[in-house]
């Protein structure tokens, strides 16, 4: 048990841990259609990730002819650079101001922590790596978990403590303050 930070007048029994910010019982609209939207967002993100890789492959292919086939040795860099590109893409976009990738923004989705904070670079990068690892080894389980959980979280969301919400659902705006 701990004391609050207000001079000891408040007794707290929660260890200073904030409650879940997104309750599916009080706000089911935040999670309505999230799994379907995540699927389409994933497909859009695959296209966004593939375009620079395809352009690099075409460039290396043409460079090989100009350099008498020596440029084709750069094909060995495509796989590691694709992985780095994907990690940077997810880290930067989830760590950005929208807390969502391009596909997630197009589908009105947003990644948040369980207590409501926006994503950050490391969370986005680890989220991507954990997603690819779990989808590689546990494909049916990853998808089934999303159908069972109340917040429509996938397996890697549960491990990281993240929630994907429908960002098109907005809380009612507070009335404007009077300026007199």
N, C-alpha and C. Protein backbone atom coordinates (compact mmCIF):
# COMPACT_ATOMS: atom_id res chain seq x y z
N UNK A 1 0.84 -1.18 0.00
CA UNK A 1 0.00 0.00 0.00
C UNK A 1 0.88 1.23 0.00
N UNK A 2 0.40 2.26 -0.65
CA UNK A 2 1.23 3.46 -0.72
C UNK A 2 0.37 4.69 -0.48
N UNK A 3 1.06 5.72 -0.10
CA UNK A 3 0.39 7.00 0.12
C UNK A 3 0.39 7.78 -1.18
N UNK A 4 -0.61 8.60 -1.35
CA UNK A 4 -0.66 9.48 -2.50
C UNK A 4 0.37 10.57 -2.38
N UNK A 5 0.49 11.36 -3.40
CA UNK A 5 1.49 12.41 -3.43
C UNK A 5 0.90 13.75 -3.00
N UNK A 6 -0.22 13.73 -2.32
CA UNK A 6 -0.90 14.97 -1.96
C UNK A 6 -0.76 15.26 -0.47
N UNK A 7 0.39 14.99 0.09
CA UNK A 7 0.62 15.32 1.49
C UNK A 7 0.18 14.22 2.43
N UNK A 8 -0.16 13.05 1.93
CA UNK A 8 -0.52 11.93 2.79
C UNK A 8 -1.98 11.90 3.19
N UNK A 9 -2.83 12.75 2.60
CA UNK A 9 -4.23 12.74 2.99
C UNK A 9 -5.03 11.66 2.27
N UNK A 10 -4.45 11.07 1.21
CA UNK A 10 -5.15 10.05 0.45
C UNK A 10 -4.43 8.72 0.60
N UNK A 11 -5.17 7.70 0.91
CA UNK A 11 -4.63 6.35 1.04
C UNK A 11 -4.92 5.61 -0.25
N UNK A 12 -3.85 5.08 -0.89
CA UNK A 12 -4.03 4.36 -2.16
C UNK A 12 -3.65 2.91 -1.98
N UNK A 13 -4.44 2.06 -2.58
CA UNK A 13 -4.19 0.64 -2.49
C UNK A 13 -3.91 0.03 -3.86
N UNK A 14 -3.66 0.85 -4.89
CA UNK A 14 -3.47 0.31 -6.23
C UNK A 14 -2.01 0.28 -6.64
N UNK A 15 -1.09 0.63 -5.78
CA UNK A 15 0.33 0.61 -6.12
C UNK A 15 0.71 1.68 -7.10
N UNK A 16 -0.13 2.67 -7.31
CA UNK A 16 0.17 3.75 -8.24
C UNK A 16 -0.05 3.39 -9.70
N UNK A 17 -0.66 2.26 -9.98
CA UNK A 17 -0.89 1.81 -11.34
C UNK A 17 -2.22 2.36 -11.82
N UNK A 18 -2.21 3.07 -12.97
CA UNK A 18 -3.48 3.60 -13.48
C UNK A 18 -4.39 2.48 -13.97
N UNK A 19 -5.69 2.68 -13.99
CA UNK A 19 -6.62 1.65 -14.47
C UNK A 19 -6.56 1.56 -16.00
N UNK A 20 -7.15 0.52 -16.56
CA UNK A 20 -7.23 0.39 -18.01
C UNK A 20 -7.98 1.58 -18.57
N UNK A 21 -7.43 2.18 -19.60
CA UNK A 21 -8.03 3.37 -20.18
C UNK A 21 -9.21 3.04 -21.09
N UNK A 22 -9.21 1.85 -21.68
CA UNK A 22 -10.22 1.51 -22.67
C UNK A 22 -10.99 0.28 -22.19
N UNK A 23 -12.17 0.53 -21.67
CA UNK A 23 -13.00 -0.55 -21.14
C UNK A 23 -14.01 -0.96 -22.20
N UNK A 24 -13.98 -2.20 -22.65
CA UNK A 24 -14.92 -2.63 -23.69
C UNK A 24 -16.36 -2.70 -23.19
N UNK A 25 -16.56 -2.73 -21.88
CA UNK A 25 -17.93 -2.78 -21.36
C UNK A 25 -18.59 -1.40 -21.44
N UNK A 26 -17.84 -0.34 -21.16
CA UNK A 26 -18.41 1.00 -21.19
C UNK A 26 -18.28 1.65 -22.57
N UNK A 27 -17.26 1.27 -23.35
CA UNK A 27 -17.04 1.86 -24.68
C UNK A 27 -16.85 0.78 -25.74
N UNK A 28 -17.87 -0.03 -26.02
CA UNK A 28 -17.70 -1.10 -27.03
C UNK A 28 -17.45 -0.55 -28.43
N UNK A 29 -17.85 0.69 -28.68
CA UNK A 29 -17.66 1.28 -30.00
C UNK A 29 -16.18 1.45 -30.35
N UNK A 30 -15.30 1.53 -29.35
CA UNK A 30 -13.87 1.65 -29.61
C UNK A 30 -13.28 0.40 -30.23
N UNK A 31 -13.94 -0.74 -30.06
CA UNK A 31 -13.41 -2.01 -30.53
C UNK A 31 -14.25 -2.64 -31.64
N UNK A 32 -15.29 -1.96 -32.06
CA UNK A 32 -16.17 -2.50 -33.10
C UNK A 32 -15.45 -2.47 -34.46
N UNK A 33 -15.33 -3.62 -35.09
CA UNK A 33 -14.71 -3.72 -36.41
C UNK A 33 -13.20 -3.62 -36.43
N UNK A 34 -12.57 -3.68 -35.27
CA UNK A 34 -11.12 -3.49 -35.20
C UNK A 34 -10.36 -4.62 -35.89
N UNK A 35 -10.78 -5.85 -35.73
CA UNK A 35 -10.05 -6.97 -36.33
C UNK A 35 -10.09 -6.91 -37.86
N UNK A 36 -11.22 -6.60 -38.42
CA UNK A 36 -11.33 -6.49 -39.88
C UNK A 36 -10.50 -5.33 -40.39
N UNK A 37 -10.56 -4.22 -39.70
CA UNK A 37 -9.77 -3.06 -40.09
C UNK A 37 -8.28 -3.33 -39.98
N UNK A 38 -7.88 -4.09 -38.95
CA UNK A 38 -6.47 -4.44 -38.79
C UNK A 38 -5.98 -5.27 -39.96
N UNK A 39 -6.82 -6.17 -40.45
CA UNK A 39 -6.43 -6.99 -41.59
C UNK A 39 -6.15 -6.12 -42.81
N UNK A 40 -7.06 -5.20 -43.11
CA UNK A 40 -6.86 -4.33 -44.27
C UNK A 40 -5.70 -3.37 -44.05
N UNK A 41 -5.51 -2.89 -42.84
CA UNK A 41 -4.37 -2.03 -42.54
C UNK A 41 -3.06 -2.78 -42.75
N UNK A 42 -3.03 -4.05 -42.35
CA UNK A 42 -1.84 -4.87 -42.56
C UNK A 42 -1.53 -5.01 -44.04
N UNK A 43 -2.54 -5.24 -44.86
CA UNK A 43 -2.33 -5.38 -46.30
C UNK A 43 -1.82 -4.07 -46.91
N UNK A 44 -2.36 -2.95 -46.48
CA UNK A 44 -1.89 -1.65 -46.97
C UNK A 44 -0.44 -1.43 -46.56
N UNK A 45 -0.11 -1.77 -45.31
CA UNK A 45 1.27 -1.61 -44.84
C UNK A 45 2.23 -2.51 -45.59
N UNK A 46 1.78 -3.70 -46.00
CA UNK A 46 2.63 -4.57 -46.81
C UNK A 46 2.97 -3.92 -48.14
N UNK A 47 2.01 -3.25 -48.74
CA UNK A 47 2.27 -2.55 -50.00
C UNK A 47 3.25 -1.40 -49.76
N UNK A 48 3.04 -0.64 -48.69
CA UNK A 48 3.95 0.47 -48.37
C UNK A 48 5.36 -0.03 -48.12
N UNK A 49 5.49 -1.16 -47.45
CA UNK A 49 6.81 -1.73 -47.19
C UNK A 49 7.43 -2.31 -48.46
N UNK A 50 6.62 -2.85 -49.36
CA UNK A 50 7.14 -3.53 -50.55
C UNK A 50 7.62 -2.56 -51.63
N UNK A 51 7.03 -1.39 -51.73
CA UNK A 51 7.37 -0.47 -52.82
C UNK A 51 8.85 -0.10 -52.81
N UNK A 52 9.44 0.37 -51.70
CA UNK A 52 10.88 0.68 -51.74
C UNK A 52 11.76 -0.55 -51.99
N UNK A 53 11.33 -1.70 -51.50
CA UNK A 53 12.11 -2.92 -51.71
C UNK A 53 12.10 -3.29 -53.20
N UNK A 54 10.94 -3.20 -53.83
CA UNK A 54 10.84 -3.51 -55.26
C UNK A 54 11.67 -2.52 -56.07
N UNK A 55 11.62 -1.25 -55.72
CA UNK A 55 12.44 -0.26 -56.42
C UNK A 55 13.93 -0.54 -56.24
N UNK A 56 14.34 -0.97 -55.07
CA UNK A 56 15.74 -1.31 -54.83
C UNK A 56 16.16 -2.52 -55.66
N UNK A 57 15.28 -3.51 -55.78
CA UNK A 57 15.59 -4.70 -56.57
C UNK A 57 15.75 -4.32 -58.05
N UNK A 58 14.86 -3.49 -58.55
CA UNK A 58 14.95 -3.06 -59.96
C UNK A 58 16.24 -2.26 -60.17
N UNK A 59 16.57 -1.37 -59.23
CA UNK A 59 17.79 -0.58 -59.34
C UNK A 59 19.03 -1.47 -59.35
N UNK A 60 19.09 -2.44 -58.45
CA UNK A 60 20.25 -3.35 -58.38
C UNK A 60 20.32 -4.20 -59.65
N UNK A 61 19.18 -4.62 -60.15
CA UNK A 61 19.16 -5.41 -61.38
C UNK A 61 19.76 -4.62 -62.54
N UNK A 62 19.33 -3.36 -62.69
CA UNK A 62 19.85 -2.52 -63.77
C UNK A 62 21.31 -2.14 -63.52
N UNK A 63 21.66 -1.93 -62.27
CA UNK A 63 23.05 -1.62 -61.92
C UNK A 63 23.97 -2.78 -62.28
N UNK A 64 23.48 -4.00 -62.17
CA UNK A 64 24.27 -5.17 -62.53
C UNK A 64 24.69 -5.17 -63.98
N UNK A 65 23.83 -4.70 -64.86
CA UNK A 65 24.19 -4.64 -66.28
C UNK A 65 25.24 -3.56 -66.53
N UNK A 66 25.11 -2.44 -65.84
CA UNK A 66 26.06 -1.33 -66.03
C UNK A 66 27.44 -1.69 -65.49
N UNK A 67 27.48 -2.45 -64.42
CA UNK A 67 28.76 -2.79 -63.76
C UNK A 67 29.26 -4.17 -64.17
N UNK A 68 28.78 -4.66 -65.28
CA UNK A 68 29.19 -5.99 -65.77
C UNK A 68 28.95 -7.07 -64.73
N UNK A 69 27.77 -7.09 -64.18
CA UNK A 69 27.24 -8.10 -63.25
C UNK A 69 27.81 -8.01 -61.83
N UNK A 70 28.73 -7.10 -61.57
CA UNK A 70 29.26 -6.95 -60.21
C UNK A 70 28.22 -6.33 -59.27
N UNK A 71 27.34 -5.50 -59.78
CA UNK A 71 26.31 -4.86 -58.96
C UNK A 71 25.32 -5.84 -58.38
N UNK A 72 25.19 -7.00 -59.00
CA UNK A 72 24.24 -7.99 -58.51
C UNK A 72 24.65 -8.58 -57.16
N UNK A 73 25.86 -8.34 -56.74
CA UNK A 73 26.25 -8.79 -55.40
C UNK A 73 25.48 -8.05 -54.32
N UNK A 74 24.93 -6.91 -54.67
CA UNK A 74 24.12 -6.13 -53.71
C UNK A 74 22.79 -6.80 -53.39
N UNK A 75 22.39 -7.80 -54.17
CA UNK A 75 21.14 -8.52 -53.86
C UNK A 75 21.21 -9.18 -52.48
N UNK A 76 22.39 -9.47 -52.00
CA UNK A 76 22.55 -10.04 -50.66
C UNK A 76 22.13 -9.09 -49.55
N UNK A 77 22.09 -7.80 -49.85
CA UNK A 77 21.68 -6.80 -48.85
C UNK A 77 20.17 -6.60 -48.79
N UNK A 78 19.44 -7.11 -49.76
CA UNK A 78 18.00 -6.85 -49.82
C UNK A 78 17.28 -7.38 -48.59
N UNK A 79 17.54 -8.61 -48.19
CA UNK A 79 16.84 -9.18 -47.03
C UNK A 79 17.13 -8.43 -45.73
N UNK A 80 18.40 -8.20 -45.37
CA UNK A 80 18.63 -7.47 -44.11
C UNK A 80 18.10 -6.04 -44.16
N UNK A 81 18.24 -5.38 -45.30
CA UNK A 81 17.73 -4.01 -45.39
C UNK A 81 16.21 -3.96 -45.36
N UNK A 82 15.55 -5.00 -45.87
CA UNK A 82 14.08 -5.07 -45.80
C UNK A 82 13.61 -5.19 -44.36
N UNK A 83 14.32 -5.99 -43.58
CA UNK A 83 13.97 -6.15 -42.16
C UNK A 83 14.19 -4.84 -41.41
N UNK A 84 15.31 -4.19 -41.67
CA UNK A 84 15.59 -2.90 -41.01
C UNK A 84 14.55 -1.87 -41.42
N UNK A 85 14.20 -1.83 -42.70
CA UNK A 85 13.20 -0.89 -43.19
C UNK A 85 11.85 -1.10 -42.50
N UNK A 86 11.44 -2.37 -42.34
CA UNK A 86 10.16 -2.65 -41.70
C UNK A 86 10.17 -2.23 -40.24
N UNK A 87 11.26 -2.49 -39.53
CA UNK A 87 11.35 -2.11 -38.12
C UNK A 87 11.33 -0.59 -37.97
N UNK A 88 12.07 0.10 -38.81
CA UNK A 88 12.09 1.57 -38.75
C UNK A 88 10.72 2.14 -39.12
N UNK A 89 10.08 1.57 -40.13
CA UNK A 89 8.75 2.04 -40.55
C UNK A 89 7.74 1.92 -39.41
N UNK A 90 7.67 0.74 -38.80
CA UNK A 90 6.70 0.55 -37.71
C UNK A 90 7.08 1.38 -36.49
N UNK A 91 8.35 1.43 -36.16
CA UNK A 91 8.77 2.22 -35.00
C UNK A 91 8.48 3.70 -35.18
N UNK A 92 8.82 4.24 -36.35
CA UNK A 92 8.62 5.67 -36.60
C UNK A 92 7.14 6.02 -36.71
N UNK A 93 6.36 5.16 -37.37
CA UNK A 93 4.95 5.52 -37.54
C UNK A 93 4.13 5.31 -36.27
N UNK A 94 4.39 4.25 -35.52
CA UNK A 94 3.67 4.07 -34.26
C UNK A 94 4.19 5.05 -33.22
N UNK A 95 5.45 5.41 -33.32
CA UNK A 95 6.01 6.41 -32.41
C UNK A 95 5.71 7.84 -32.83
N UNK A 96 5.06 8.03 -33.96
CA UNK A 96 4.74 9.36 -34.45
C UNK A 96 3.51 9.95 -33.76
N UNK A 97 3.11 11.10 -34.24
CA UNK A 97 2.01 11.82 -33.59
C UNK A 97 0.67 11.12 -33.73
N UNK A 98 0.50 10.28 -34.76
CA UNK A 98 -0.78 9.59 -34.95
C UNK A 98 -0.82 8.25 -34.23
N UNK A 99 0.33 7.76 -33.80
CA UNK A 99 0.43 6.47 -33.13
C UNK A 99 -0.17 5.35 -33.98
N UNK A 100 0.11 5.44 -35.29
CA UNK A 100 -0.45 4.47 -36.24
C UNK A 100 0.40 4.46 -37.50
N UNK A 101 0.42 3.31 -38.17
CA UNK A 101 1.07 3.21 -39.46
C UNK A 101 0.17 3.85 -40.52
N UNK A 102 0.66 3.92 -41.75
CA UNK A 102 -0.16 4.50 -42.82
C UNK A 102 -1.42 3.68 -43.03
N UNK A 103 -1.29 2.37 -43.02
CA UNK A 103 -2.47 1.51 -43.17
C UNK A 103 -3.45 1.68 -42.03
N UNK A 104 -2.93 1.79 -40.81
CA UNK A 104 -3.80 1.99 -39.65
C UNK A 104 -4.52 3.32 -39.74
N UNK A 105 -3.83 4.36 -40.20
CA UNK A 105 -4.49 5.67 -40.34
C UNK A 105 -5.58 5.62 -41.40
N UNK A 106 -5.32 4.89 -42.49
CA UNK A 106 -6.34 4.78 -43.54
C UNK A 106 -7.57 4.02 -43.05
N UNK A 107 -7.38 3.13 -42.10
CA UNK A 107 -8.48 2.34 -41.55
C UNK A 107 -9.00 2.92 -40.23
N UNK A 108 -8.59 4.11 -39.86
CA UNK A 108 -9.01 4.78 -38.62
C UNK A 108 -8.70 3.95 -37.38
N UNK A 109 -7.47 3.46 -37.29
CA UNK A 109 -7.02 2.71 -36.13
C UNK A 109 -5.88 3.45 -35.46
N UNK A 110 -5.71 3.17 -34.20
CA UNK A 110 -4.67 3.81 -33.41
C UNK A 110 -4.17 2.82 -32.37
N UNK A 111 -2.85 2.76 -32.18
CA UNK A 111 -2.28 1.87 -31.17
C UNK A 111 -2.04 2.67 -29.91
N UNK A 112 -2.51 2.16 -28.79
CA UNK A 112 -2.31 2.79 -27.49
C UNK A 112 -1.82 1.75 -26.48
N UNK A 113 -1.23 2.22 -25.41
CA UNK A 113 -0.89 1.32 -24.32
C UNK A 113 -2.15 1.04 -23.53
N UNK A 114 -2.13 0.05 -22.68
CA UNK A 114 -3.33 -0.33 -21.93
C UNK A 114 -3.82 0.78 -21.02
N UNK A 115 -2.92 1.69 -20.64
CA UNK A 115 -3.34 2.79 -19.79
C UNK A 115 -3.60 4.07 -20.57
N UNK A 116 -3.58 4.02 -21.91
CA UNK A 116 -4.03 5.13 -22.73
C UNK A 116 -2.95 5.97 -23.38
N UNK A 117 -1.69 5.73 -23.09
CA UNK A 117 -0.62 6.55 -23.67
C UNK A 117 -0.41 6.20 -25.14
N UNK A 118 0.10 7.15 -25.88
CA UNK A 118 0.42 6.92 -27.29
C UNK A 118 1.63 6.01 -27.41
N UNK A 119 1.81 5.44 -28.58
CA UNK A 119 2.96 4.60 -28.84
C UNK A 119 4.23 5.42 -28.95
N UNK A 120 5.36 4.75 -28.87
CA UNK A 120 6.67 5.38 -29.03
C UNK A 120 7.52 4.47 -29.89
N UNK A 121 8.68 4.95 -30.34
CA UNK A 121 9.47 4.25 -31.34
C UNK A 121 9.79 2.81 -30.94
N UNK A 122 10.32 2.62 -29.74
CA UNK A 122 10.73 1.27 -29.33
C UNK A 122 9.51 0.35 -29.25
N UNK A 123 8.39 0.85 -28.76
CA UNK A 123 7.17 0.04 -28.70
C UNK A 123 6.74 -0.38 -30.10
N UNK A 124 6.78 0.54 -31.05
CA UNK A 124 6.41 0.22 -32.42
C UNK A 124 7.33 -0.80 -33.05
N UNK A 125 8.63 -0.66 -32.81
CA UNK A 125 9.61 -1.60 -33.37
C UNK A 125 9.44 -2.99 -32.75
N UNK A 126 9.29 -3.05 -31.44
CA UNK A 126 9.12 -4.34 -30.76
C UNK A 126 7.77 -4.95 -31.15
N UNK A 127 6.75 -4.13 -31.31
CA UNK A 127 5.44 -4.60 -31.74
C UNK A 127 5.54 -5.30 -33.09
N UNK A 128 6.28 -4.71 -34.02
CA UNK A 128 6.45 -5.31 -35.34
C UNK A 128 7.23 -6.62 -35.27
N UNK A 129 8.32 -6.62 -34.53
CA UNK A 129 9.14 -7.83 -34.42
C UNK A 129 8.33 -8.95 -33.77
N UNK A 130 7.65 -8.64 -32.68
CA UNK A 130 6.87 -9.66 -31.99
C UNK A 130 5.72 -10.16 -32.86
N UNK A 131 5.11 -9.28 -33.63
CA UNK A 131 4.06 -9.70 -34.55
C UNK A 131 4.60 -10.71 -35.56
N UNK A 132 5.71 -10.38 -36.20
CA UNK A 132 6.26 -11.27 -37.22
C UNK A 132 6.72 -12.60 -36.62
N UNK A 133 7.26 -12.58 -35.41
CA UNK A 133 7.69 -13.82 -34.77
C UNK A 133 6.47 -14.68 -34.43
N UNK A 134 5.45 -14.08 -33.81
CA UNK A 134 4.28 -14.87 -33.43
C UNK A 134 3.50 -15.37 -34.64
N UNK A 135 3.42 -14.56 -35.68
CA UNK A 135 2.67 -14.98 -36.86
C UNK A 135 3.42 -16.10 -37.60
N UNK A 136 4.75 -16.12 -37.47
CA UNK A 136 5.54 -17.16 -38.12
C UNK A 136 5.36 -18.52 -37.46
N UNK A 137 5.27 -18.52 -36.14
CA UNK A 137 5.22 -19.78 -35.41
C UNK A 137 3.81 -20.19 -34.98
N UNK A 138 2.95 -19.22 -34.71
CA UNK A 138 1.65 -19.52 -34.10
C UNK A 138 0.48 -18.92 -34.88
N UNK A 139 0.49 -19.02 -36.19
CA UNK A 139 -0.50 -18.33 -37.02
C UNK A 139 -1.94 -18.52 -36.56
N UNK A 140 -2.45 -19.73 -36.37
CA UNK A 140 -3.86 -19.83 -35.98
C UNK A 140 -4.12 -19.26 -34.59
N UNK A 141 -3.19 -19.46 -33.68
CA UNK A 141 -3.38 -18.97 -32.31
C UNK A 141 -3.43 -17.44 -32.26
N UNK A 142 -2.60 -16.79 -33.04
CA UNK A 142 -2.57 -15.33 -33.06
C UNK A 142 -3.93 -14.78 -33.47
N UNK A 143 -4.52 -15.38 -34.48
CA UNK A 143 -5.81 -14.89 -34.98
C UNK A 143 -6.96 -15.29 -34.06
N UNK A 144 -6.90 -16.45 -33.47
CA UNK A 144 -7.97 -16.89 -32.56
C UNK A 144 -8.01 -16.05 -31.29
N UNK A 145 -6.87 -15.63 -30.82
CA UNK A 145 -6.83 -14.81 -29.60
C UNK A 145 -7.62 -13.52 -29.82
N UNK A 146 -7.54 -12.94 -31.00
CA UNK A 146 -8.28 -11.71 -31.30
C UNK A 146 -9.79 -11.89 -31.25
N UNK A 147 -10.25 -13.08 -31.54
CA UNK A 147 -11.69 -13.35 -31.49
C UNK A 147 -12.18 -13.59 -30.07
N UNK A 148 -11.29 -13.96 -29.18
CA UNK A 148 -11.67 -14.30 -27.81
C UNK A 148 -11.60 -13.11 -26.86
N UNK A 149 -10.61 -12.25 -27.03
CA UNK A 149 -10.40 -11.16 -26.07
C UNK A 149 -11.46 -10.07 -26.24
N UNK A 150 -11.80 -9.44 -25.16
CA UNK A 150 -12.83 -8.39 -25.18
C UNK A 150 -12.35 -7.13 -25.89
N UNK A 151 -11.06 -6.84 -25.84
CA UNK A 151 -10.51 -5.65 -26.48
C UNK A 151 -10.00 -5.94 -27.89
N UNK A 152 -10.28 -7.14 -28.40
CA UNK A 152 -9.87 -7.57 -29.74
C UNK A 152 -8.35 -7.48 -29.91
N UNK A 153 -7.63 -7.84 -28.86
CA UNK A 153 -6.18 -7.82 -28.90
C UNK A 153 -5.66 -9.12 -29.49
N UNK A 154 -4.58 -9.03 -30.25
CA UNK A 154 -3.91 -10.21 -30.74
C UNK A 154 -2.86 -10.62 -29.72
N UNK A 155 -2.20 -11.74 -29.97
CA UNK A 155 -1.26 -12.29 -28.99
C UNK A 155 -0.14 -11.32 -28.66
N UNK A 156 0.43 -10.68 -29.65
CA UNK A 156 1.53 -9.75 -29.38
C UNK A 156 1.04 -8.49 -28.67
N UNK A 157 -0.22 -8.12 -28.85
CA UNK A 157 -0.79 -6.99 -28.10
C UNK A 157 -0.87 -7.33 -26.62
N UNK A 158 -1.28 -8.54 -26.31
CA UNK A 158 -1.38 -8.95 -24.91
C UNK A 158 -0.01 -8.97 -24.24
N UNK A 159 0.99 -9.46 -24.96
CA UNK A 159 2.33 -9.54 -24.40
C UNK A 159 2.89 -8.14 -24.13
N UNK A 160 2.66 -7.21 -25.05
CA UNK A 160 3.21 -5.85 -24.92
C UNK A 160 2.31 -4.90 -24.13
N UNK A 161 1.08 -5.28 -23.87
CA UNK A 161 0.18 -4.39 -23.15
C UNK A 161 -0.33 -3.25 -24.02
N UNK A 162 -0.61 -3.55 -25.28
CA UNK A 162 -1.11 -2.52 -26.19
C UNK A 162 -2.55 -2.84 -26.60
N UNK A 163 -3.23 -1.82 -27.07
CA UNK A 163 -4.61 -1.93 -27.52
C UNK A 163 -4.72 -1.16 -28.83
N UNK A 164 -5.39 -1.73 -29.81
CA UNK A 164 -5.68 -1.02 -31.05
C UNK A 164 -7.15 -0.62 -30.99
N UNK A 165 -7.38 0.69 -31.12
CA UNK A 165 -8.74 1.20 -31.00
C UNK A 165 -9.19 1.83 -32.31
N UNK A 166 -10.48 1.96 -32.45
CA UNK A 166 -11.11 2.61 -33.57
C UNK A 166 -11.02 4.11 -33.32
N UNK A 167 -10.14 4.80 -34.04
CA UNK A 167 -9.93 6.22 -33.76
C UNK A 167 -11.00 7.11 -34.38
N UNK A 168 -11.89 6.55 -35.20
CA UNK A 168 -12.98 7.36 -35.74
C UNK A 168 -14.04 7.65 -34.68
N UNK A 169 -14.01 6.89 -33.60
CA UNK A 169 -14.92 7.12 -32.48
C UNK A 169 -14.25 8.14 -31.57
N UNK A 170 -14.82 9.27 -31.46
CA UNK A 170 -14.23 10.33 -30.65
C UNK A 170 -15.06 10.56 -29.41
N UNK A 171 -14.36 10.91 -28.35
CA UNK A 171 -15.07 11.30 -27.13
C UNK A 171 -15.70 12.66 -27.36
N UNK A 172 -16.83 12.93 -26.74
CA UNK A 172 -17.44 14.25 -26.92
C UNK A 172 -16.50 15.33 -26.46
N UNK A 173 -16.41 16.37 -27.25
CA UNK A 173 -15.51 17.48 -26.95
C UNK A 173 -16.03 18.28 -25.77
N UNK A 174 -15.11 18.73 -24.95
CA UNK A 174 -15.48 19.58 -23.81
C UNK A 174 -15.91 20.95 -24.33
N UNK A 175 -16.85 21.59 -23.65
CA UNK A 175 -17.25 22.92 -24.12
C UNK A 175 -16.08 23.89 -24.03
N UNK A 176 -16.09 24.84 -24.93
CA UNK A 176 -15.01 25.84 -24.96
C UNK A 176 -15.06 26.71 -23.71
N UNK A 177 -13.91 27.11 -23.25
CA UNK A 177 -13.82 27.98 -22.07
C UNK A 177 -14.22 29.39 -22.46
N UNK A 178 -14.82 30.08 -21.52
CA UNK A 178 -15.19 31.47 -21.80
C UNK A 178 -13.98 32.35 -21.62
N UNK A 179 -13.86 33.35 -22.43
CA UNK A 179 -12.67 34.21 -22.42
C UNK A 179 -12.93 35.56 -21.76
N UNK A 180 -13.93 35.64 -20.88
CA UNK A 180 -14.17 36.94 -20.26
C UNK A 180 -13.86 36.92 -18.82
